[in-house]
Amino acid sequence: MPRFRLRFLLQEFDLVGPEVILGRSPDCHITIEDPLISRRHARIAIKEDKATVVDLGSRNGVRINGRSIEGEAELKDGDRVRLGTQELLFSVVRRKDRPVRPTGYMRVCHACGTPYPEGSPACPHCGAPALEEEDTVSGMMVESRRNWTFQLLGEVIERALSTSRAAEADRLMRRAAKEIDDRLAAGERLDAEHLSMISTFAVRLARLLGGSEWVAWALTLHRRQGKMLADEVIDRLEELDLAALSDVPPVLDTYVSWYKTKPPPAPSPDLSRLARLEQLLSP
């Protein structure tokens, strides 16, 4: 008879039937602290040699290997179960399996270079089969998880903005802002794609809320990174009604004045972006 386990970060949980409840509530069998996880988020049912998972009506749903589930879904060895911004690895343990190391070793995938928990038969990120000669490292590889968490958080912010749920979008953006502050404080830098994505969200949220706070935040973030706004961010700025948002132009003018102190050498696409910003400020 097989046994079933969930691995979350460096912890492993044996799944003991008939059911295991996962959620944010301390009353759940497995409690995960994440504001994007519902108090009672999902249930895993254990019956003989089969384990199935069902969403308990959570706001953000359950995904298996990146796909949202509807109704009950059977779990297979190596499946990635995502709740909120957290990912858990499901495994089937049989007697012939080698014992799991308690020290939290991670393999580095030979195909994509991403770390994943040792013991998985394949890389959960690209699907490449595990090789014995792959490097192993102890501890959690923070950067890959941070990037994945940031990406998923962006998906949830996008849904909130698209449905005009201003309060929820604002709450999620503040969480993203804290994540970014933590990265910058650790000496990291955002890549161009993430910088553009989160700044675009910030300007859209400013339009939804009718204020300059998030515009100022996006501009300050670019100043901290020494970057010009991407075209897609300027596109969103051009959608703002600056006559109704009278506190936005002074913030934008401060950013433009800062950037003009050290413009890039011509030719550069950043110069045309600068011209677009100046046009926004012209009467």
Protein backbone atom coordinates (compact mmCIF):
# COMPACT_ATOMS: atom_id res chain seq x y z
CA MET A 1 0.00 0.00 0.00
CA PRO A 2 1.58 3.32 -1.02
CA ARG A 3 1.92 6.31 1.26
CA PHE A 4 1.38 9.86 0.10
CA ARG A 5 3.35 12.98 0.98
CA LEU A 6 3.35 16.69 0.31
CA ARG A 7 6.59 18.62 0.29
CA PHE A 8 6.34 22.34 1.01
CA LEU A 9 9.62 24.26 0.95
CA LEU A 10 11.86 22.12 3.18
CA GLN A 11 9.05 20.40 5.07
CA GLU A 12 7.38 17.09 4.31
CA PHE A 13 3.90 16.07 5.42
CA ASP A 14 2.59 12.52 5.45
CA LEU A 15 -1.01 12.49 4.22
CA VAL A 16 -3.09 10.37 6.56
CA GLY A 17 -6.69 9.66 5.48
CA PRO A 18 -9.48 9.77 5.10
CA GLU A 19 -8.95 13.46 4.35
CA VAL A 20 -6.43 16.27 4.81
CA ILE A 21 -7.58 19.90 4.84
CA LEU A 22 -5.19 22.60 3.63
CA GLY A 23 -5.65 26.30 4.26
CA ARG A 24 -4.70 29.38 6.21
CA SER A 25 -6.71 28.49 9.33
CA PRO A 26 -4.81 26.96 12.26
CA ASP A 27 -7.60 24.38 12.42
CA CYS A 28 -6.49 22.83 9.11
CA HIS A 29 -4.37 19.69 9.04
CA ILE A 30 -1.75 21.64 7.03
CA THR A 31 -1.68 25.37 7.72
CA ILE A 32 0.01 27.68 5.21
CA GLU A 33 0.42 31.35 6.00
CA ASP A 34 -0.38 33.18 2.79
CA PRO A 35 -3.01 35.92 2.33
CA LEU A 36 -3.89 34.49 -1.09
CA ILE A 37 -4.86 31.16 0.49
CA SER A 38 -8.38 30.80 1.92
CA ARG A 39 -8.94 29.70 5.49
CA ARG A 40 -10.13 26.30 4.22
CA HIS A 41 -8.70 26.17 0.73
CA ALA A 42 -8.56 22.54 -0.44
CA ARG A 43 -9.15 18.95 0.67
CA ILE A 44 -7.09 15.90 -0.23
CA ALA A 45 -8.99 12.64 0.13
CA ILE A 46 -7.09 9.38 0.68
CA LYS A 47 -8.74 6.13 -0.35
CA GLU A 48 -6.68 2.96 -0.62
CA ASP A 49 -4.08 3.59 -3.35
CA LYS A 50 -5.51 6.86 -4.65
CA ALA A 51 -5.35 10.50 -3.55
CA THR A 52 -7.64 13.19 -4.94
CA VAL A 53 -7.81 16.93 -4.36
CA VAL A 54 -10.82 19.25 -4.49
CA ASP A 55 -11.10 23.02 -4.17
CA LEU A 56 -13.23 24.07 -1.19
CA GLY A 57 -14.59 27.19 -2.86
CA SER A 58 -11.42 29.25 -2.44
CA ARG A 59 -11.12 32.63 -4.12
CA ASN A 60 -7.92 31.85 -6.04
CA GLY A 61 -8.52 28.19 -6.80
CA VAL A 62 -6.23 25.16 -6.98
CA ARG A 63 -3.80 24.41 -9.78
CA ILE A 64 -2.08 21.15 -10.64
CA ASN A 65 1.01 21.50 -12.81
CA GLY A 66 -0.07 25.04 -13.69
CA ARG A 67 -3.65 24.20 -14.67
CA SER A 68 -6.73 25.16 -12.65
CA ILE A 69 -8.88 22.24 -11.56
CA GLU A 70 -12.65 21.98 -11.59
CA GLY A 71 -14.25 19.50 -9.24
CA GLU A 72 -12.16 16.58 -8.02
CA ALA A 73 -8.77 15.75 -9.54
CA GLU A 74 -6.60 12.71 -8.94
CA LEU A 75 -3.02 13.36 -7.85
CA LYS A 76 -0.08 11.62 -9.49
CA ASP A 77 3.49 11.22 -8.28
CA GLY A 78 5.44 14.41 -8.96
CA ASP A 79 2.38 16.65 -9.36
CA ARG A 80 2.83 20.30 -8.38
CA VAL A 81 -0.13 21.56 -6.36
CA ARG A 82 -0.40 25.35 -6.20
CA LEU A 83 -2.44 27.18 -3.56
CA GLY A 84 -2.20 30.96 -3.58
CA THR A 85 1.46 31.77 -4.19
CA GLN A 86 2.67 28.52 -2.64
CA GLU A 87 3.58 25.30 -4.46
CA LEU A 88 3.55 21.86 -2.90
CA LEU A 89 5.05 18.73 -4.43
CA PHE A 90 2.94 15.57 -4.20
CA SER A 91 4.76 12.25 -4.06
CA VAL A 92 3.88 8.58 -3.77
CA VAL A 93 6.17 6.70 -1.39
CA ARG A 94 6.63 2.96 -1.85
CA ARG A 95 8.94 0.57 -0.05
CA LYS A 96 11.34 0.42 -2.95
CA ASP A 97 11.79 4.19 -2.82
CA ARG A 98 14.98 5.33 -1.16
CA PRO A 99 14.50 7.20 2.09
CA VAL A 100 13.99 10.94 1.91
CA ARG A 101 16.89 12.98 3.21
CA PRO A 102 15.86 15.07 6.17
CA THR A 103 18.34 17.83 5.38
CA GLY A 104 16.35 19.56 2.64
CA TYR A 105 18.57 18.79 -0.34
CA MET A 106 17.65 20.28 -3.69
CA ARG A 107 18.65 19.08 -7.15
CA VAL A 108 19.67 21.45 -9.93
CA CYS A 109 17.94 20.49 -13.17
CA HIS A 110 20.39 19.56 -15.93
CA ALA A 111 17.99 20.94 -18.57
CA CYS A 112 16.74 24.29 -17.26
CA GLY A 113 19.10 24.95 -14.34
CA THR A 114 16.26 25.41 -11.84
CA PRO A 115 16.52 23.86 -8.36
CA TYR A 116 13.81 21.46 -7.19
CA PRO A 117 13.36 19.05 -4.25
CA GLU A 118 15.49 15.91 -4.41
CA GLY A 119 13.34 12.82 -4.67
CA SER A 120 11.12 14.12 -7.46
CA PRO A 121 11.34 11.82 -10.50
CA ALA A 122 11.41 14.82 -12.84
CA CYS A 123 11.99 18.55 -12.76
CA PRO A 124 8.64 20.13 -11.83
CA HIS A 125 9.53 23.23 -13.85
CA CYS A 126 10.43 21.84 -17.29
CA GLY A 127 9.58 18.13 -16.98
CA ALA A 128 13.11 16.83 -17.65
CA PRO A 129 13.75 13.46 -15.93
CA ALA A 130 16.00 13.54 -12.87
CA LEU A 131 19.57 12.31 -13.38
CA GLU A 132 21.77 10.83 -10.69
CA GLU A 133 24.66 13.07 -11.71
CA GLU A 134 22.72 16.28 -11.18
CA ASP A 135 24.19 18.61 -8.61
CA THR A 136 22.52 18.81 -5.22
CA VAL A 137 22.50 21.78 -2.88
CA SER A 138 21.26 22.15 0.66
CA GLY A 139 18.85 24.86 1.68
CA MET A 140 16.23 26.75 -0.29
CA MET A 141 17.18 28.46 -3.53
CA VAL A 142 15.41 31.71 -2.82
CA GLU A 143 15.78 33.47 -6.14
CA SER A 144 13.90 30.93 -8.26
CA ARG A 145 11.05 30.77 -5.78
CA ARG A 146 10.93 34.56 -5.52
CA ASN A 147 10.61 34.93 -9.27
CA TRP A 148 7.87 32.33 -9.42
CA THR A 149 6.01 33.91 -6.47
CA PHE A 150 6.28 37.35 -8.03
CA GLN A 151 4.89 36.06 -11.32
CA LEU A 152 1.89 34.43 -9.66
CA LEU A 153 1.24 37.52 -7.55
CA GLY A 154 1.18 39.49 -10.79
CA GLU A 155 -1.48 37.17 -12.19
CA VAL A 156 -3.70 37.76 -9.16
CA ILE A 157 -3.20 41.55 -9.33
CA GLU A 158 -4.13 41.45 -13.02
CA ARG A 159 -7.40 39.69 -12.20
CA ALA A 160 -8.24 42.21 -9.48
CA LEU A 161 -7.52 45.17 -11.77
CA SER A 162 -9.44 43.66 -14.69
CA THR A 163 -12.55 43.31 -12.54
CA SER A 164 -12.11 46.76 -10.91
CA ARG A 165 -11.69 45.30 -7.42
CA ALA A 166 -9.75 48.34 -6.25
CA ALA A 167 -9.40 47.43 -2.57
CA GLU A 168 -8.11 43.94 -3.35
CA ALA A 169 -5.74 45.22 -6.04
CA ASP A 170 -4.38 47.82 -3.61
CA ARG A 171 -3.80 45.18 -0.92
CA LEU A 172 -2.00 42.88 -3.35
CA MET A 173 0.11 45.71 -4.74
CA ARG A 174 1.27 46.58 -1.23
CA ARG A 175 2.38 42.99 -0.81
CA ALA A 176 4.24 43.16 -4.12
CA ALA A 177 5.84 46.46 -3.06
CA LYS A 178 7.11 44.83 0.12
CA GLU A 179 8.53 41.91 -1.88
CA ILE A 180 10.36 44.40 -4.10
CA ASP A 181 11.66 46.38 -1.13
CA ASP A 182 13.01 43.15 0.36
CA ARG A 183 14.78 42.32 -2.90
CA LEU A 184 16.35 45.74 -3.25
CA ALA A 185 17.42 45.74 0.40
CA ALA A 186 19.18 42.42 -0.26
CA GLY A 187 21.13 44.00 -3.11
CA GLU A 188 19.05 42.39 -5.87
CA ARG A 189 17.61 44.12 -8.92
CA LEU A 190 14.36 43.57 -10.77
CA ASP A 191 14.68 42.36 -14.32
CA ALA A 192 13.17 44.59 -17.03
CA GLU A 193 10.10 42.39 -17.50
CA HIS A 194 9.12 42.44 -13.82
CA LEU A 195 9.87 46.15 -13.51
CA SER A 196 7.60 46.94 -16.44
CA MET A 197 4.85 44.59 -15.29
CA ILE A 198 4.56 45.88 -11.74
CA SER A 199 4.85 49.54 -12.83
CA THR A 200 2.07 49.06 -15.37
CA PHE A 201 -0.10 47.60 -12.61
CA ALA A 202 0.75 50.58 -10.39
CA VAL A 203 -0.40 53.14 -12.98
CA ARG A 204 -3.58 51.18 -13.69
CA LEU A 205 -4.29 51.09 -9.97
CA ALA A 206 -3.69 54.85 -9.72
CA ARG A 207 -6.30 55.36 -12.41
CA LEU A 208 -8.73 53.07 -10.61
CA LEU A 209 -8.22 54.76 -7.24
CA GLY A 210 -7.96 58.30 -8.58
CA GLY A 211 -4.71 59.33 -6.89
CA SER A 212 -0.99 59.75 -7.43
CA GLU A 213 0.39 57.37 -4.77
CA TRP A 214 1.03 54.45 -7.08
CA VAL A 215 2.32 56.64 -9.91
CA ALA A 216 4.85 58.12 -7.48
CA TRP A 217 5.78 54.63 -6.31
CA ALA A 218 6.42 53.40 -9.87
CA LEU A 219 8.53 56.45 -10.70
CA THR A 220 10.52 56.14 -7.49
CA LEU A 221 11.15 52.46 -8.25
CA HIS A 222 12.57 53.41 -11.66
CA ARG A 223 14.77 56.06 -10.07
CA ARG A 224 16.11 53.51 -7.58
CA GLN A 225 17.04 51.27 -10.49
CA GLY A 226 18.27 54.14 -12.69
CA LYS A 227 15.82 53.23 -15.44
CA MET A 228 13.57 54.97 -17.94
CA LEU A 229 9.92 53.91 -18.04
CA ALA A 230 9.08 51.27 -20.63
CA ASP A 231 6.72 52.13 -23.48
CA GLU A 232 3.89 50.08 -21.97
CA VAL A 233 4.11 52.04 -18.72
CA ILE A 234 4.02 55.34 -20.60
CA ASP A 235 1.02 54.03 -22.56
CA ARG A 236 -0.82 53.69 -19.26
CA LEU A 237 0.27 57.15 -18.11
CA GLU A 238 -1.17 58.59 -21.31
CA GLU A 239 -4.52 57.06 -20.39
CA LEU A 240 -4.69 59.07 -17.14
CA ASP A 241 -6.87 62.18 -16.96
CA LEU A 242 -4.20 64.54 -15.66
CA ALA A 243 -6.74 67.35 -15.34
CA ALA A 244 -8.65 65.26 -12.80
CA LEU A 245 -5.48 63.93 -11.16
CA SER A 246 -3.81 67.26 -10.46
CA ASP A 247 -1.25 65.73 -8.08
CA VAL A 248 0.22 63.47 -10.78
CA PRO A 249 1.98 66.08 -13.01
CA PRO A 250 4.28 67.39 -10.22
CA VAL A 251 5.38 63.82 -9.45
CA LEU A 252 5.98 63.13 -13.13
CA ASP A 253 7.84 66.43 -13.58
CA THR A 254 10.21 65.50 -10.74
CA TYR A 255 11.01 62.21 -12.45
CA VAL A 256 11.59 63.85 -15.84
CA SER A 257 13.89 66.46 -14.27
CA TRP A 258 15.88 63.68 -12.58
CA TYR A 259 16.24 61.69 -15.78
CA LYS A 260 17.39 64.73 -17.78
CA THR A 261 20.39 65.13 -15.47
CA LYS A 262 21.97 62.01 -16.99
CA PRO A 263 20.30 61.21 -20.33
CA PRO A 264 21.62 58.31 -22.40
CA PRO A 265 23.77 59.07 -25.45
CA ALA A 266 21.93 59.32 -28.74
CA PRO A 267 20.59 57.37 -30.44
CA SER A 268 18.55 55.66 -27.73
CA PRO A 269 14.88 54.65 -27.54
CA ASP A 270 14.87 56.14 -24.05
CA LEU A 271 15.14 59.62 -25.59
CA SER A 272 11.86 59.14 -27.47
CA ARG A 273 10.28 57.90 -24.24
CA LEU A 274 11.53 61.00 -22.48
CA ALA A 275 9.93 63.11 -25.22
CA ARG A 276 6.62 61.34 -24.65
CA LEU A 277 6.76 62.16 -20.95
CA GLU A 278 7.55 65.79 -21.68
CA GLN A 279 4.59 65.90 -24.04
CA LEU A 280 2.37 64.68 -21.23
CA LEU A 281 3.51 67.62 -19.12
CA SER A 282 3.09 70.24 -21.82
CA PRO A 283 0.00 72.47 -21.47
